[in-house]
Amino acid sequence: MANSSNTLTVSILDRDFRINCPKDSQHELTSAAQLLDEKMREIRNASNTPGQVLGIDRIAVIAALNIAHQLQQLQGKQTQLSLELERIDERLDEALMLEPQLEL
């Protein structure tokens, strides 16, 4: 059976957006929208200096860049951890090869 989709309404910076989304991805989409809303609010609040007002487009681009940067950092850490696990696995294999075989 194909995964059916629903229209989900998410609110970002007090604006509602209707998004077509697979039923089994609604929680993830809602969570992503909440994260984006939080990031955009942080940027908007941080720029509340006299005479400076950022448009929603600029706020969205800055938020997207910040989230993309965080994703890249996490991917880099994941790669480092994968390499470390491979090295540990190789060392374990070497140690097991050096262990004398038990005779039954």
C-alpha atoms as a PDB file:
ATOM      1  CA  MET A   1       0.000   0.000   0.000  1.00  0.00           C
ATOM      2  CA  ALA A   2       1.390   3.390  -0.949  1.00  0.00           C
ATOM      3  CA  ASN A   3       2.128   5.862   1.794  1.00  0.00           C
ATOM      4  CA  SER A   4      -0.650   8.432   1.591  1.00  0.00           C
ATOM      5  CA  SER A   5      -0.048  12.068   2.336  1.00  0.00           C
ATOM      6  CA  ASN A   6      -1.840  14.790   4.226  1.00  0.00           C
ATOM      7  CA  THR A   7      -1.675  18.536   4.130  1.00  0.00           C
ATOM      8  CA  LEU A   8      -0.010  19.786   7.285  1.00  0.00           C
ATOM      9  CA  THR A   9      -0.075  23.394   8.477  1.00  0.00           C
ATOM     10  CA  VAL A  10       3.079  24.662  10.167  1.00  0.00           C
ATOM     11  CA  SER A  11       3.653  28.090  11.662  1.00  0.00           C
ATOM     12  CA  ILE A  12       6.954  29.886  11.140  1.00  0.00           C
ATOM     13  CA  LEU A  13       7.390  33.439  12.424  1.00  0.00           C
ATOM     14  CA  ASP A  14       3.631  33.720  12.920  1.00  0.00           C
ATOM     15  CA  ARG A  15       2.948  32.800   9.301  1.00  0.00           C
ATOM     16  CA  ASP A  16       1.116  29.605   8.419  1.00  0.00           C
ATOM     17  CA  PHE A  17       2.367  27.357   5.640  1.00  0.00           C
ATOM     18  CA  ARG A  18       0.423  24.415   4.249  1.00  0.00           C
ATOM     19  CA  ILE A  19       2.723  21.569   3.290  1.00  0.00           C
ATOM     20  CA  ASN A  20       1.857  18.271   1.621  1.00  0.00           C
ATOM     21  CA  CYS A  21       3.571  15.571   3.645  1.00  0.00           C
ATOM     22  CA  PRO A  22       3.544  11.747   3.841  1.00  0.00           C
ATOM     23  CA  LYS A  23       1.607  10.575   6.899  1.00  0.00           C
ATOM     24  CA  ASP A  24       4.625   8.834   8.405  1.00  0.00           C
ATOM     25  CA  SER A  25       6.754  12.007   8.142  1.00  0.00           C
ATOM     26  CA  GLN A  26       4.408  14.453   9.834  1.00  0.00           C
ATOM     27  CA  HIS A  27       6.184  14.362  13.193  1.00  0.00           C
ATOM     28  CA  GLU A  28       9.568  15.013  11.574  1.00  0.00           C
ATOM     29  CA  LEU A  29       8.204  17.869   9.465  1.00  0.00           C
ATOM     30  CA  THR A  30       6.532  19.466  12.488  1.00  0.00           C
ATOM     31  CA  SER A  31       9.767  19.155  14.445  1.00  0.00           C
ATOM     32  CA  ALA A  32      11.778  20.663  11.569  1.00  0.00           C
ATOM     33  CA  ALA A  33       9.333  23.566  11.301  1.00  0.00           C
ATOM     34  CA  GLN A  34       9.636  24.210  15.042  1.00  0.00           C
ATOM     35  CA  LEU A  35      13.436  24.214  14.775  1.00  0.00           C
ATOM     36  CA  LEU A  36      13.317  26.638  11.847  1.00  0.00           C
ATOM     37  CA  ASP A  37      10.865  28.879  13.707  1.00  0.00           C
ATOM     38  CA  GLU A  38      13.164  28.955  16.755  1.00  0.00           C
ATOM     39  CA  LYS A  39      16.243  29.767  14.653  1.00  0.00           C
ATOM     40  CA  MET A  40      14.450  32.503  12.726  1.00  0.00           C
ATOM     41  CA  ARG A  41      13.128  34.062  15.946  1.00  0.00           C
ATOM     42  CA  GLU A  42      16.645  34.021  17.441  1.00  0.00           C
ATOM     43  CA  ILE A  43      17.991  35.835  14.380  1.00  0.00           C
ATOM     44  CA  ARG A  44      15.145  38.350  14.326  1.00  0.00           C
ATOM     45  CA  ASN A  45      15.518  39.066  18.059  1.00  0.00           C
ATOM     46  CA  ALA A  46      19.306  39.375  17.799  1.00  0.00           C
ATOM     47  CA  SER A  47      18.946  41.992  15.057  1.00  0.00           C
ATOM     48  CA  ASN A  48      16.622  44.263  17.036  1.00  0.00           C
ATOM     49  CA  THR A  49      18.972  47.220  16.966  1.00  0.00           C
ATOM     50  CA  PRO A  50      17.670  50.725  16.284  1.00  0.00           C
ATOM     51  CA  GLY A  51      17.372  51.427  12.577  1.00  0.00           C
ATOM     52  CA  GLN A  52      18.005  47.833  11.539  1.00  0.00           C
ATOM     53  CA  VAL A  53      15.122  45.603  10.507  1.00  0.00           C
ATOM     54  CA  LEU A  54      15.783  42.338   8.724  1.00  0.00           C
ATOM     55  CA  GLY A  55      13.243  41.110   6.213  1.00  0.00           C
ATOM     56  CA  ILE A  56      11.817  37.617   6.518  1.00  0.00           C
ATOM     57  CA  ASP A  57      13.712  36.524   3.383  1.00  0.00           C
ATOM     58  CA  ARG A  58      17.043  37.536   4.870  1.00  0.00           C
ATOM     59  CA  ILE A  59      16.174  35.933   8.210  1.00  0.00           C
ATOM     60  CA  ALA A  60      15.239  32.699   6.384  1.00  0.00           C
ATOM     61  CA  VAL A  61      18.514  32.648   4.425  1.00  0.00           C
ATOM     62  CA  ILE A  62      20.611  33.251   7.550  1.00  0.00           C
ATOM     63  CA  ALA A  63      18.696  30.521   9.416  1.00  0.00           C
ATOM     64  CA  ALA A  64      19.159  28.107   6.503  1.00  0.00           C
ATOM     65  CA  LEU A  65      22.899  28.825   6.396  1.00  0.00           C
ATOM     66  CA  ASN A  66      23.214  28.296  10.150  1.00  0.00           C
ATOM     67  CA  ILE A  67      21.318  24.996  10.001  1.00  0.00           C
ATOM     68  CA  ALA A  68      23.349  23.836   6.966  1.00  0.00           C
ATOM     69  CA  HIS A  69      26.560  24.695   8.819  1.00  0.00           C
ATOM     70  CA  GLN A  70      25.438  22.695  11.859  1.00  0.00           C
ATOM     71  CA  LEU A  71      24.583  19.756   9.579  1.00  0.00           C
ATOM     72  CA  GLN A  72      28.046  19.866   7.995  1.00  0.00           C
ATOM     73  CA  GLN A  73      29.679  19.907  11.420  1.00  0.00           C
ATOM     74  CA  LEU A  74      27.649  16.882  12.527  1.00  0.00           C
ATOM     75  CA  GLN A  75      28.462  15.028   9.304  1.00  0.00           C
ATOM     76  CA  GLY A  76      32.159  15.722   9.884  1.00  0.00           C
ATOM     77  CA  LYS A  77      31.927  14.377  13.430  1.00  0.00           C
ATOM     78  CA  GLN A  78      30.085  11.302  12.167  1.00  0.00           C
ATOM     79  CA  THR A  79      32.845  10.670   9.625  1.00  0.00           C
ATOM     80  CA  GLN A  80      35.512  11.016  12.327  1.00  0.00           C
ATOM     81  CA  LEU A  81      33.658   8.596  14.603  1.00  0.00           C
ATOM     82  CA  SER A  82      33.233   6.086  11.771  1.00  0.00           C
ATOM     83  CA  LEU A  83      36.966   6.202  11.040  1.00  0.00           C
ATOM     84  CA  GLU A  84      37.770   5.764  14.725  1.00  0.00           C
ATOM     85  CA  LEU A  85      35.450   2.742  14.930  1.00  0.00           C
ATOM     86  CA  GLU A  86      37.151   1.230  11.871  1.00  0.00           C
ATOM     87  CA  ARG A  87      40.568   1.678  13.527  1.00  0.00           C
ATOM     88  CA  ILE A  88      39.316   0.064  16.743  1.00  0.00           C
ATOM     89  CA  ASP A  89      37.824  -2.825  14.753  1.00  0.00           C
ATOM     90  CA  GLU A  90      41.148  -3.349  12.945  1.00  0.00           C
ATOM     91  CA  ARG A  91      43.049  -3.328  16.245  1.00  0.00           C
ATOM     92  CA  LEU A  92      40.633  -5.878  17.704  1.00  0.00           C
ATOM     93  CA  ASP A  93      41.051  -8.113  14.661  1.00  0.00           C
ATOM     94  CA  GLU A  94      44.842  -7.884  14.987  1.00  0.00           C
ATOM     95  CA  ALA A  95      44.689  -8.693  18.697  1.00  0.00           C
ATOM     96  CA  LEU A  96      42.475 -11.704  18.051  1.00  0.00           C
ATOM     97  CA  MET A  97      44.868 -12.982  15.372  1.00  0.00           C
ATOM     98  CA  LEU A  98      47.775 -12.798  17.817  1.00  0.00           C
ATOM     99  CA  GLU A  99      45.849 -14.719  20.476  1.00  0.00           C
ATOM    100  CA  PRO A 100      46.918 -18.360  20.407  1.00  0.00           C
ATOM    101  CA  GLN A 101      44.263 -20.719  19.150  1.00  0.00           C
ATOM    102  CA  LEU A 102      42.650 -22.853  21.810  1.00  0.00           C
ATOM    103  CA  GLU A 103      42.644 -26.560  21.115  1.00  0.00           C
ATOM    104  CA  LEU A 104      39.682 -28.652  22.066  1.00  0.00           C
END
